[in-house]
mmCIF file of all heavy atoms, coordinates in Angstrom:
data_MODEL
# 
_entry.id   MODEL 
# 
loop_
_atom_site.group_PDB 
_atom_site.id 
_atom_site.type_symbol 
_atom_site.label_atom_id 
_atom_site.label_alt_id 
_atom_site.label_comp_id 
_atom_site.label_asym_id 
_atom_site.label_entity_id 
_atom_site.label_seq_id 
_atom_site.pdbx_PDB_ins_code 
_atom_site.Cartn_x 
_atom_site.Cartn_y 
_atom_site.Cartn_z 
_atom_site.occupancy 
_atom_site.B_iso_or_equiv 
_atom_site.pdbx_formal_charge 
_atom_site.auth_seq_id 
_atom_site.auth_comp_id 
_atom_site.auth_asym_id 
_atom_site.auth_atom_id 
_atom_site.pdbx_PDB_model_num 
ATOM 1   N N   . PHE A 1 1  ? 0.857   -1.180  0.000  1.00 0.00 ? 1  PHE A N   1 
ATOM 2   C CA  . PHE A 1 1  ? 0.000   0.000   0.000  1.00 0.00 ? 1  PHE A CA  1 
ATOM 3   C C   . PHE A 1 1  ? 0.899   1.238   0.000  1.00 0.00 ? 1  PHE A C   1 
ATOM 4   O O   . PHE A 1 1  ? 1.786   1.351   0.838  1.00 0.00 ? 1  PHE A O   1 
ATOM 5   C CB  . PHE A 1 1  ? -0.887  0.041   1.252  1.00 0.00 ? 1  PHE A CB  1 
ATOM 6   C CG  . PHE A 1 1  ? -2.006  -0.958  1.243  1.00 0.00 ? 1  PHE A CG  1 
ATOM 7   C CD1 . PHE A 1 1  ? -1.794  -2.257  1.685  1.00 0.00 ? 1  PHE A CD1 1 
ATOM 8   C CD2 . PHE A 1 1  ? -3.271  -0.603  0.799  1.00 0.00 ? 1  PHE A CD2 1 
ATOM 9   C CE1 . PHE A 1 1  ? -2.820  -3.184  1.675  1.00 0.00 ? 1  PHE A CE1 1 
ATOM 10  C CE2 . PHE A 1 1  ? -4.302  -1.522  0.789  1.00 0.00 ? 1  PHE A CE2 1 
ATOM 11  C CZ  . PHE A 1 1  ? -4.078  -2.823  1.228  1.00 0.00 ? 1  PHE A CZ  1 
ATOM 12  N N   . PHE A 1 2  ? 0.662   2.139   -0.943 1.00 0.00 ? 2  PHE A N   1 
ATOM 13  C CA  . PHE A 1 2  ? 1.426   3.381   -0.998 1.00 0.00 ? 2  PHE A CA  1 
ATOM 14  C C   . PHE A 1 2  ? 0.573   4.520   -0.451 1.00 0.00 ? 2  PHE A C   1 
ATOM 15  O O   . PHE A 1 2  ? -0.638  4.568   -0.682 1.00 0.00 ? 2  PHE A O   1 
ATOM 16  C CB  . PHE A 1 2  ? 1.831   3.690   -2.446 1.00 0.00 ? 2  PHE A CB  1 
ATOM 17  C CG  . PHE A 1 2  ? 2.913   2.805   -2.970 1.00 0.00 ? 2  PHE A CG  1 
ATOM 18  C CD1 . PHE A 1 2  ? 2.633   1.521   -3.394 1.00 0.00 ? 2  PHE A CD1 1 
ATOM 19  C CD2 . PHE A 1 2  ? 4.227   3.245   -3.026 1.00 0.00 ? 2  PHE A CD2 1 
ATOM 20  C CE1 . PHE A 1 2  ? 3.639   0.676   -3.879 1.00 0.00 ? 2  PHE A CE1 1 
ATOM 21  C CE2 . PHE A 1 2  ? 5.244   2.424   -3.516 1.00 0.00 ? 2  PHE A CE2 1 
ATOM 22  C CZ  . PHE A 1 2  ? 4.939   1.141   -3.938 1.00 0.00 ? 2  PHE A CZ  1 
ATOM 23  N N   . ALA A 1 3  ? 1.208   5.429   0.278  1.00 0.00 ? 3  ALA A N   1 
ATOM 24  C CA  . ALA A 1 3  ? 0.504   6.567   0.857  1.00 0.00 ? 3  ALA A CA  1 
ATOM 25  C C   . ALA A 1 3  ? 1.248   7.848   0.515  1.00 0.00 ? 3  ALA A C   1 
ATOM 26  O O   . ALA A 1 3  ? 2.449   7.837   0.223  1.00 0.00 ? 3  ALA A O   1 
ATOM 27  C CB  . ALA A 1 3  ? 0.393   6.415   2.364  1.00 0.00 ? 3  ALA A CB  1 
ATOM 28  N N   . CYS A 1 4  ? 0.517   8.944   0.565  1.00 0.00 ? 4  CYS A N   1 
ATOM 29  C CA  . CYS A 1 4  ? 1.107   10.246  0.254  1.00 0.00 ? 4  CYS A CA  1 
ATOM 30  C C   . CYS A 1 4  ? 0.543   11.293  1.217  1.00 0.00 ? 4  CYS A C   1 
ATOM 31  O O   . CYS A 1 4  ? -0.664  11.510  1.262  1.00 0.00 ? 4  CYS A O   1 
ATOM 32  C CB  . CYS A 1 4  ? 0.781   10.624  -1.186 1.00 0.00 ? 4  CYS A CB  1 
ATOM 33  S SG  . CYS A 1 4  ? 1.391   12.238  -1.669 1.00 0.00 ? 4  CYS A SG  1 
ATOM 34  N N   . PRO A 1 5  ? 1.386   11.955  2.002  1.00 0.00 ? 5  PRO A N   1 
ATOM 35  C CA  . PRO A 1 5  ? 0.897   12.960  2.950  1.00 0.00 ? 5  PRO A CA  1 
ATOM 36  C C   . PRO A 1 5  ? 0.515   14.277  2.289  1.00 0.00 ? 5  PRO A C   1 
ATOM 37  O O   . PRO A 1 5  ? -0.180  15.091  2.876  1.00 0.00 ? 5  PRO A O   1 
ATOM 38  C CB  . PRO A 1 5  ? 2.069   13.144  3.907  1.00 0.00 ? 5  PRO A CB  1 
ATOM 39  C CG  . PRO A 1 5  ? 3.265   12.802  3.093  1.00 0.00 ? 5  PRO A CG  1 
ATOM 40  C CD  . PRO A 1 5  ? 2.830   11.734  2.133  1.00 0.00 ? 5  PRO A CD  1 
ATOM 41  N N   . ASP A 1 6  ? 0.976   14.476  1.054  1.00 0.00 ? 6  ASP A N   1 
ATOM 42  C CA  . ASP A 1 6  ? 0.712   15.740  0.357  1.00 0.00 ? 6  ASP A CA  1 
ATOM 43  C C   . ASP A 1 6  ? 0.520   15.441  -1.128 1.00 0.00 ? 6  ASP A C   1 
ATOM 44  O O   . ASP A 1 6  ? 1.478   15.149  -1.854 1.00 0.00 ? 6  ASP A O   1 
ATOM 45  C CB  . ASP A 1 6  ? 1.894   16.696  0.556  1.00 0.00 ? 6  ASP A CB  1 
ATOM 46  C CG  . ASP A 1 6  ? 1.624   18.080  -0.037 1.00 0.00 ? 6  ASP A CG  1 
ATOM 47  O OD1 . ASP A 1 6  ? 0.708   18.203  -0.884 1.00 0.00 ? 6  ASP A OD1 1 
ATOM 48  O OD2 . ASP A 1 6  ? 2.323   19.025  0.347  1.00 0.00 ? 6  ASP A OD2 1 
ATOM 49  N N   . LEU A 1 7  ? -0.716  15.526  -1.602 1.00 0.00 ? 7  LEU A N   1 
ATOM 50  C CA  . LEU A 1 7  ? -1.001  15.188  -2.997 1.00 0.00 ? 7  LEU A CA  1 
ATOM 51  C C   . LEU A 1 7  ? -0.425  16.199  -3.981 1.00 0.00 ? 7  LEU A C   1 
ATOM 52  O O   . LEU A 1 7  ? -0.230  15.893  -5.153 1.00 0.00 ? 7  LEU A O   1 
ATOM 53  C CB  . LEU A 1 7  ? -2.514  15.067  -3.206 1.00 0.00 ? 7  LEU A CB  1 
ATOM 54  C CG  . LEU A 1 7  ? -3.180  13.882  -2.511 1.00 0.00 ? 7  LEU A CG  1 
ATOM 55  C CD1 . LEU A 1 7  ? -4.688  13.941  -2.703 1.00 0.00 ? 7  LEU A CD1 1 
ATOM 56  C CD2 . LEU A 1 7  ? -2.636  12.568  -3.049 1.00 0.00 ? 7  LEU A CD2 1 
ATOM 57  N N   . VAL A 1 8  ? -0.152  17.402  -3.508 1.00 0.00 ? 8  VAL A N   1 
ATOM 58  C CA  . VAL A 1 8  ? 0.442   18.410  -4.385 1.00 0.00 ? 8  VAL A CA  1 
ATOM 59  C C   . VAL A 1 8  ? 1.900   18.042  -4.675 1.00 0.00 ? 8  VAL A C   1 
ATOM 60  O O   . VAL A 1 8  ? 2.358   18.070  -5.824 1.00 0.00 ? 8  VAL A O   1 
ATOM 61  C CB  . VAL A 1 8  ? 0.356   19.814  -3.754 1.00 0.00 ? 8  VAL A CB  1 
ATOM 62  C CG1 . VAL A 1 8  ? 1.079   20.830  -4.637 1.00 0.00 ? 8  VAL A CG1 1 
ATOM 63  C CG2 . VAL A 1 8  ? -1.102  20.211  -3.565 1.00 0.00 ? 8  VAL A CG2 1 
ATOM 64  N N   . GLN A 1 9  ? 2.635   17.695  -3.621 1.00 0.00 ? 9  GLN A N   1 
ATOM 65  C CA  . GLN A 1 9  ? 4.027   17.291  -3.796 1.00 0.00 ? 9  GLN A CA  1 
ATOM 66  C C   . GLN A 1 9  ? 4.130   15.887  -4.401 1.00 0.00 ? 9  GLN A C   1 
ATOM 67  O O   . GLN A 1 9  ? 5.106   15.549  -5.058 1.00 0.00 ? 9  GLN A O   1 
ATOM 68  C CB  . GLN A 1 9  ? 4.766   17.316  -2.453 1.00 0.00 ? 9  GLN A CB  1 
ATOM 69  C CG  . GLN A 1 9  ? 4.851   18.691  -1.821 1.00 0.00 ? 9  GLN A CG  1 
ATOM 70  C CD  . GLN A 1 9  ? 5.680   19.647  -2.647 1.00 0.00 ? 9  GLN A CD  1 
ATOM 71  O OE1 . GLN A 1 9  ? 6.661   19.255  -3.279 1.00 0.00 ? 9  GLN A OE1 1 
ATOM 72  N NE2 . GLN A 1 9  ? 5.293   20.917  -2.673 1.00 0.00 ? 9  GLN A NE2 1 
ATOM 73  N N   . ALA A 1 10 ? 3.092   15.067  -4.141 1.00 0.00 ? 10 ALA A N   1 
ATOM 74  C CA  . ALA A 1 10 ? 3.014   13.701  -4.685 1.00 0.00 ? 10 ALA A CA  1 
ATOM 75  C C   . ALA A 1 10 ? 4.230   12.848  -4.325 1.00 0.00 ? 10 ALA A C   1 
ATOM 76  O O   . ALA A 1 10 ? 4.805   12.165  -5.162 1.00 0.00 ? 10 ALA A O   1 
ATOM 77  C CB  . ALA A 1 10 ? 2.819   13.740  -6.189 1.00 0.00 ? 10 ALA A CB  1 
ATOM 78  N N   . GLN A 1 11 ? 4.611   12.923  -3.070 1.00 0.00 ? 11 GLN A N   1 
ATOM 79  C CA  . GLN A 1 11 ? 5.724   12.093  -2.599 1.00 0.00 ? 11 GLN A CA  1 
ATOM 80  C C   . GLN A 1 11 ? 5.163   10.796  -2.012 1.00 0.00 ? 11 GLN A C   1 
ATOM 81  O O   . GLN A 1 11 ? 4.892   10.694  -0.823 1.00 0.00 ? 11 GLN A O   1 
ATOM 82  C CB  . GLN A 1 11 ? 6.553   12.855  -1.565 1.00 0.00 ? 11 GLN A CB  1 
ATOM 83  C CG  . GLN A 1 11 ? 7.218   14.094  -2.140 1.00 0.00 ? 11 GLN A CG  1 
ATOM 84  C CD  . GLN A 1 11 ? 7.957   14.888  -1.081 1.00 0.00 ? 11 GLN A CD  1 
ATOM 85  O OE1 . GLN A 1 11 ? 7.712   14.746  0.112  1.00 0.00 ? 11 GLN A OE1 1 
ATOM 86  N NE2 . GLN A 1 11 ? 8.868   15.738  -1.523 1.00 0.00 ? 11 GLN A NE2 1 
ATOM 87  N N   . TRP A 1 12 ? 5.009   9.809   -2.875 1.00 0.00 ? 12 TRP A N   1 
ATOM 88  C CA  . TRP A 1 12 ? 4.406   8.545   -2.468 1.00 0.00 ? 12 TRP A CA  1 
ATOM 89  C C   . TRP A 1 12 ? 5.462   7.620   -1.870 1.00 0.00 ? 12 TRP A C   1 
ATOM 90  O O   . TRP A 1 12 ? 6.607   7.599   -2.293 1.00 0.00 ? 12 TRP A O   1 
ATOM 91  C CB  . TRP A 1 12 ? 3.746   7.866   -3.672 1.00 0.00 ? 12 TRP A CB  1 
ATOM 92  C CG  . TRP A 1 12 ? 2.550   8.612   -4.177 1.00 0.00 ? 12 TRP A CG  1 
ATOM 93  C CD1 . TRP A 1 12 ? 2.534   9.641   -5.077 1.00 0.00 ? 12 TRP A CD1 1 
ATOM 94  C CD2 . TRP A 1 12 ? 1.197   8.394   -3.793 1.00 0.00 ? 12 TRP A CD2 1 
ATOM 95  N NE1 . TRP A 1 12 ? 1.252   10.082  -5.281 1.00 0.00 ? 12 TRP A NE1 1 
ATOM 96  C CE2 . TRP A 1 12 ? 0.401   9.327   -4.502 1.00 0.00 ? 12 TRP A CE2 1 
ATOM 97  C CE3 . TRP A 1 12 ? 0.548   7.506   -2.926 1.00 0.00 ? 12 TRP A CE3 1 
ATOM 98  C CZ2 . TRP A 1 12 ? -0.976  9.397   -4.379 1.00 0.00 ? 12 TRP A CZ2 1 
ATOM 99  C CZ3 . TRP A 1 12 ? -0.818  7.569   -2.803 1.00 0.00 ? 12 TRP A CZ3 1 
ATOM 100 C CH2 . TRP A 1 12 ? -1.575  8.509   -3.508 1.00 0.00 ? 12 TRP A CH2 1 
ATOM 101 N N   . GLY A 1 13 ? 5.040   6.852   -0.890 1.00 0.00 ? 13 GLY A N   1 
ATOM 102 C CA  . GLY A 1 13 ? 5.941   5.869   -0.273 1.00 0.00 ? 13 GLY A CA  1 
ATOM 103 C C   . GLY A 1 13 ? 5.145   4.688   0.251  1.00 0.00 ? 13 GLY A C   1 
ATOM 104 O O   . GLY A 1 13 ? 3.935   4.782   0.481  1.00 0.00 ? 13 GLY A O   1 
ATOM 105 N N   . ILE A 1 14 ? 5.803   3.558   0.437  1.00 0.00 ? 14 ILE A N   1 
ATOM 106 C CA  . ILE A 1 14 ? 5.125   2.365   0.953  1.00 0.00 ? 14 ILE A CA  1 
ATOM 107 C C   . ILE A 1 14 ? 4.756   2.580   2.414  1.00 0.00 ? 14 ILE A C   1 
ATOM 108 O O   . ILE A 1 14 ? 5.604   2.895   3.252  1.00 0.00 ? 14 ILE A O   1 
ATOM 109 C CB  . ILE A 1 14 ? 6.022   1.120   0.818  1.00 0.00 ? 14 ILE A CB  1 
ATOM 110 C CG1 . ILE A 1 14 ? 6.297   0.809   -0.654 1.00 0.00 ? 14 ILE A CG1 1 
ATOM 111 C CG2 . ILE A 1 14 ? 5.363   -0.091  1.481  1.00 0.00 ? 14 ILE A CG2 1 
ATOM 112 C CD1 . ILE A 1 14 ? 7.218   -0.367  -0.875 1.00 0.00 ? 14 ILE A CD1 1 
ATOM 113 N N   . ALA A 1 15 ? 3.486   2.431   2.721  1.00 0.00 ? 15 ALA A N   1 
ATOM 114 C CA  . ALA A 1 15 ? 3.013   2.594   4.093  1.00 0.00 ? 15 ALA A CA  1 
ATOM 115 C C   . ALA A 1 15 ? 2.763   1.257   4.777  1.00 0.00 ? 15 ALA A C   1 
ATOM 116 O O   . ALA A 1 15 ? 2.785   1.157   5.996  1.00 0.00 ? 15 ALA A O   1 
ATOM 117 C CB  . ALA A 1 15 ? 1.721   3.416   4.099  1.00 0.00 ? 15 ALA A CB  1 
ATOM 118 N N   . TRP A 1 16 ? 2.509   0.226   3.985  1.00 0.00 ? 16 TRP A N   1 
ATOM 119 C CA  . TRP A 1 16 ? 2.074   -1.042  4.578  1.00 0.00 ? 16 TRP A CA  1 
ATOM 120 C C   . TRP A 1 16 ? 2.290   -2.151  3.566  1.00 0.00 ? 16 TRP A C   1 
ATOM 121 O O   . TRP A 1 16 ? 2.018   -1.995  2.376  1.00 0.00 ? 16 TRP A O   1 
ATOM 122 C CB  . TRP A 1 16 ? 0.593   -0.945  4.940  1.00 0.00 ? 16 TRP A CB  1 
ATOM 123 C CG  . TRP A 1 16 ? 0.011   -2.074  5.732  1.00 0.00 ? 16 TRP A CG  1 
ATOM 124 C CD1 . TRP A 1 16 ? -0.913  -2.985  5.311  1.00 0.00 ? 16 TRP A CD1 1 
ATOM 125 C CD2 . TRP A 1 16 ? 0.269   -2.399  7.091  1.00 0.00 ? 16 TRP A CD2 1 
ATOM 126 N NE1 . TRP A 1 16 ? -1.236  -3.846  6.319  1.00 0.00 ? 16 TRP A NE1 1 
ATOM 127 C CE2 . TRP A 1 16 ? -0.528  -3.515  7.431  1.00 0.00 ? 16 TRP A CE2 1 
ATOM 128 C CE3 . TRP A 1 16 ? 1.104   -1.865  8.069  1.00 0.00 ? 16 TRP A CE3 1 
ATOM 129 C CZ2 . TRP A 1 16 ? -0.515  -4.100  8.696  1.00 0.00 ? 16 TRP A CZ2 1 
ATOM 130 C CZ3 . TRP A 1 16 ? 1.120   -2.443  9.323  1.00 0.00 ? 16 TRP A CZ3 1 
ATOM 131 C CH2 . TRP A 1 16 ? 0.321   -3.536  9.637  1.00 0.00 ? 16 TRP A CH2 1 
ATOM 132 N N   . THR A 1 17 ? 2.793   -3.275  4.005  1.00 0.00 ? 17 THR A N   1 
ATOM 133 C CA  . THR A 1 17 ? 2.962   -4.449  3.160  1.00 0.00 ? 17 THR A CA  1 
ATOM 134 C C   . THR A 1 17 ? 2.234   -5.612  3.810  1.00 0.00 ? 17 THR A C   1 
ATOM 135 O O   . THR A 1 17 ? 2.259   -5.764  5.036  1.00 0.00 ? 17 THR A O   1 
ATOM 136 C CB  . THR A 1 17 ? 4.455   -4.790  2.984  1.00 0.00 ? 17 THR A CB  1 
ATOM 137 O OG1 . THR A 1 17 ? 5.135   -3.677  2.405  1.00 0.00 ? 17 THR A OG1 1 
ATOM 138 C CG2 . THR A 1 17 ? 4.642   -5.994  2.070  1.00 0.00 ? 17 THR A CG2 1 
ATOM 139 N N   . VAL A 1 18 ? 1.587   -6.414  3.001  1.00 0.00 ? 18 VAL A N   1 
ATOM 140 C CA  . VAL A 1 18 ? 0.831   -7.542  3.545  1.00 0.00 ? 18 VAL A CA  1 
ATOM 141 C C   . VAL A 1 18 ? 0.979   -8.749  2.632  1.00 0.00 ? 18 VAL A C   1 
ATOM 142 O O   . VAL A 1 18 ? 1.075   -8.605  1.408  1.00 0.00 ? 18 VAL A O   1 
ATOM 143 C CB  . VAL A 1 18 ? -0.668  -7.181  3.719  1.00 0.00 ? 18 VAL A CB  1 
ATOM 144 C CG1 . VAL A 1 18 ? -1.307  -6.830  2.381  1.00 0.00 ? 18 VAL A CG1 1 
ATOM 145 C CG2 . VAL A 1 18 ? -1.439  -8.335  4.367  1.00 0.00 ? 18 VAL A CG2 1 
ATOM 146 N N   . THR A 1 19 ? 1.047   -9.923  3.225  1.00 0.00 ? 19 THR A N   1 
ATOM 147 C CA  . THR A 1 19 ? 1.012   -11.170 2.477  1.00 0.00 ? 19 THR A CA  1 
ATOM 148 C C   . THR A 1 19 ? -0.400  -11.722 2.572  1.00 0.00 ? 19 THR A C   1 
ATOM 149 O O   . THR A 1 19 ? -0.900  -11.956 3.675  1.00 0.00 ? 19 THR A O   1 
ATOM 150 C CB  . THR A 1 19 ? 2.016   -12.189 3.044  1.00 0.00 ? 19 THR A CB  1 
ATOM 151 O OG1 . THR A 1 19 ? 3.332   -11.625 2.972  1.00 0.00 ? 19 THR A OG1 1 
ATOM 152 C CG2 . THR A 1 19 ? 1.991   -13.487 2.249  1.00 0.00 ? 19 THR A CG2 1 
ATOM 153 N N   . VAL A 1 20 ? -1.056  -11.904 1.432  1.00 0.00 ? 20 VAL A N   1 
ATOM 154 C CA  . VAL A 1 20 ? -2.438  -12.374 1.417  1.00 0.00 ? 20 VAL A CA  1 
ATOM 155 C C   . VAL A 1 20 ? -2.519  -13.731 0.733  1.00 0.00 ? 20 VAL A C   1 
ATOM 156 O O   . VAL A 1 20 ? -1.598  -14.147 0.027  1.00 0.00 ? 20 VAL A O   1 
ATOM 157 C CB  . VAL A 1 20 ? -3.369  -11.384 0.668  1.00 0.00 ? 20 VAL A CB  1 
ATOM 158 C CG1 . VAL A 1 20 ? -3.369  -10.027 1.338  1.00 0.00 ? 20 VAL A CG1 1 
ATOM 159 C CG2 . VAL A 1 20 ? -2.960  -11.254 -0.796 1.00 0.00 ? 20 VAL A CG2 1 
ATOM 160 N N   . ASP A 1 21 ? -3.616  -14.407 0.962  1.00 0.00 ? 21 ASP A N   1 
ATOM 161 C CA  . ASP A 1 21 ? -3.937  -15.621 0.220  1.00 0.00 ? 21 ASP A CA  1 
ATOM 162 C C   . ASP A 1 21 ? -4.754  -15.184 -0.997 1.00 0.00 ? 21 ASP A C   1 
ATOM 163 O O   . ASP A 1 21 ? -5.862  -14.680 -0.831 1.00 0.00 ? 21 ASP A O   1 
ATOM 164 C CB  . ASP A 1 21 ? -4.743  -16.571 1.107  1.00 0.00 ? 21 ASP A CB  1 
ATOM 165 C CG  . ASP A 1 21 ? -5.123  -17.863 0.385  1.00 0.00 ? 21 ASP A CG  1 
ATOM 166 O OD1 . ASP A 1 21 ? -4.920  -17.942 -0.840 1.00 0.00 ? 21 ASP A OD1 1 
ATOM 167 O OD2 . ASP A 1 21 ? -5.628  -18.783 1.048  1.00 0.00 ? 21 ASP A OD2 1 
ATOM 168 N N   . PRO A 1 22 ? -4.240  -15.334 -2.226 1.00 0.00 ? 22 PRO A N   1 
ATOM 169 C CA  . PRO A 1 22 ? -4.994  -14.868 -3.410 1.00 0.00 ? 22 PRO A CA  1 
ATOM 170 C C   . PRO A 1 22 ? -6.388  -15.462 -3.511 1.00 0.00 ? 22 PRO A C   1 
ATOM 171 O O   . PRO A 1 22 ? -7.267  -14.865 -4.130 1.00 0.00 ? 22 PRO A O   1 
ATOM 172 C CB  . PRO A 1 22 ? -4.114  -15.323 -4.580 1.00 0.00 ? 22 PRO A CB  1 
ATOM 173 C CG  . PRO A 1 22 ? -2.730  -15.368 -4.019 1.00 0.00 ? 22 PRO A CG  1 
ATOM 174 C CD  . PRO A 1 22 ? -2.911  -15.846 -2.597 1.00 0.00 ? 22 PRO A CD  1 
ATOM 175 N N   . LEU A 1 23 ? -6.624  -16.611 -2.873 1.00 0.00 ? 23 LEU A N   1 
ATOM 176 C CA  . LEU A 1 23 ? -7.932  -17.259 -2.966 1.00 0.00 ? 23 LEU A CA  1 
ATOM 177 C C   . LEU A 1 23 ? -8.984  -16.609 -2.076 1.00 0.00 ? 23 LEU A C   1 
ATOM 178 O O   . LEU A 1 23 ? -10.172 -16.880 -2.209 1.00 0.00 ? 23 LEU A O   1 
ATOM 179 C CB  . LEU A 1 23 ? -7.811  -18.745 -2.615 1.00 0.00 ? 23 LEU A CB  1 
ATOM 180 C CG  . LEU A 1 23 ? -6.918  -19.581 -3.546 1.00 0.00 ? 23 LEU A CG  1 
ATOM 181 C CD1 . LEU A 1 23 ? -6.844  -21.025 -3.057 1.00 0.00 ? 23 LEU A CD1 1 
ATOM 182 C CD2 . LEU A 1 23 ? -7.434  -19.532 -4.976 1.00 0.00 ? 23 LEU A CD2 1 
ATOM 183 N N   . THR A 1 24 ? -8.552  -15.738 -1.138 1.00 0.00 ? 24 THR A N   1 
ATOM 184 C CA  . THR A 1 24 ? -9.536  -15.108 -0.249 1.00 0.00 ? 24 THR A CA  1 
ATOM 185 C C   . THR A 1 24 ? -10.327 -14.014 -0.954 1.00 0.00 ? 24 THR A C   1 
ATOM 186 O O   . THR A 1 24 ? -11.418 -13.662 -0.524 1.00 0.00 ? 24 THR A O   1 
ATOM 187 C CB  . THR A 1 24 ? -8.849  -14.496 0.981  1.00 0.00 ? 24 THR A CB  1 
ATOM 188 O OG1 . THR A 1 24 ? -7.881  -13.527 0.562  1.00 0.00 ? 24 THR A OG1 1 
ATOM 189 C CG2 . THR A 1 24 ? -8.157  -15.576 1.805  1.00 0.00 ? 24 THR A CG2 1 
ATOM 190 N N   . LEU A 1 25 ? -9.752  -13.426 -2.012 1.00 0.00 ? 25 LEU A N   1 
ATOM 191 C CA  . LEU A 1 25 ? -10.420 -12.447 -2.876 1.00 0.00 ? 25 LEU A CA  1 
ATOM 192 C C   . LEU A 1 25 ? -10.647 -11.087 -2.232 1.00 0.00 ? 25 LEU A C   1 
ATOM 193 O O   . LEU A 1 25 ? -11.266 -10.212 -2.841 1.00 0.00 ? 25 LEU A O   1 
ATOM 194 C CB  . LEU A 1 25 ? -11.764 -12.992 -3.400 1.00 0.00 ? 25 LEU A CB  1 
ATOM 195 C CG  . LEU A 1 25 ? -11.711 -14.360 -4.092 1.00 0.00 ? 25 LEU A CG  1 
ATOM 196 C CD1 . LEU A 1 25 ? -13.104 -14.731 -4.603 1.00 0.00 ? 25 LEU A CD1 1 
ATOM 197 C CD2 . LEU A 1 25 ? -10.694 -14.360 -5.225 1.00 0.00 ? 25 LEU A CD2 1 
ATOM 198 N N   . ALA A 1 26 ? -10.182 -10.868 -1.007 1.00 0.00 ? 26 ALA A N   1 
ATOM 199 C CA  . ALA A 1 26 ? -10.359 -9.552  -0.380 1.00 0.00 ? 26 ALA A CA  1 
ATOM 200 C C   . ALA A 1 26 ? -9.406  -9.407  0.802  1.00 0.00 ? 26 ALA A C   1 
ATOM 201 O O   . ALA A 1 26 ? -8.893  -10.393 1.341  1.00 0.00 ? 26 ALA A O   1 
ATOM 202 C CB  . ALA A 1 26 ? -11.801 -9.358  0.081  1.00 0.00 ? 26 ALA A CB  1 
ATOM 203 N N   . TYR A 1 27 ? -9.193  -8.150  1.214  1.00 0.00 ? 27 TYR A N   1 
ATOM 204 C CA  . TYR A 1 27 ? -8.350  -7.857  2.374  1.00 0.00 ? 27 TYR A CA  1 
ATOM 205 C C   . TYR A 1 27 ? -8.807  -6.533  2.964  1.00 0.00 ? 27 TYR A C   1 
ATOM 206 O O   . TYR A 1 27 ? -9.173  -5.608  2.236  1.00 0.00 ? 27 TYR A O   1 
ATOM 207 C CB  . TYR A 1 27 ? -6.877  -7.765  1.972  1.00 0.00 ? 27 TYR A CB  1 
ATOM 208 C CG  . TYR A 1 27 ? -5.971  -7.276  3.075  1.00 0.00 ? 27 TYR A CG  1 
ATOM 209 C CD1 . TYR A 1 27 ? -5.649  -8.094  4.158  1.00 0.00 ? 27 TYR A CD1 1 
ATOM 210 C CD2 . TYR A 1 27 ? -5.444  -5.986  3.047  1.00 0.00 ? 27 TYR A CD2 1 
ATOM 211 C CE1 . TYR A 1 27 ? -4.820  -7.638  5.171  1.00 0.00 ? 27 TYR A CE1 1 
ATOM 212 C CE2 . TYR A 1 27 ? -4.619  -5.526  4.050  1.00 0.00 ? 27 TYR A CE2 1 
ATOM 213 C CZ  . TYR A 1 27 ? -4.305  -6.357  5.119  1.00 0.00 ? 27 TYR A CZ  1 
ATOM 214 O OH  . TYR A 1 27 ? -3.496  -5.901  6.138  1.00 0.00 ? 27 TYR A OH  1 
ATOM 215 N N   . SER A 1 28 ? -8.791  -6.454  4.291  1.00 0.00 ? 28 SER A N   1 
ATOM 216 C CA  . SER A 1 28 ? -9.205  -5.235  4.989  1.00 0.00 ? 28 SER A CA  1 
ATOM 217 C C   . SER A 1 28 ? -8.087  -4.776  5.907  1.00 0.00 ? 28 SER A C   1 
ATOM 218 O O   . SER A 1 28 ? -7.466  -5.591  6.606  1.00 0.00 ? 28 SER A O   1 
ATOM 219 C CB  . SER A 1 28 ? -10.479 -5.518  5.800  1.00 0.00 ? 28 SER A CB  1 
ATOM 220 O OG  . SER A 1 28 ? -10.868 -4.371  6.528  1.00 0.00 ? 28 SER A OG  1 
# 
């Protein structure tokens, strides 16, 4: 998941990484 504290500057960075089971079809 990438996040950006300022959309004008558009400095995106990874905020969160998760390992999911592709068969679950969703993640919260």
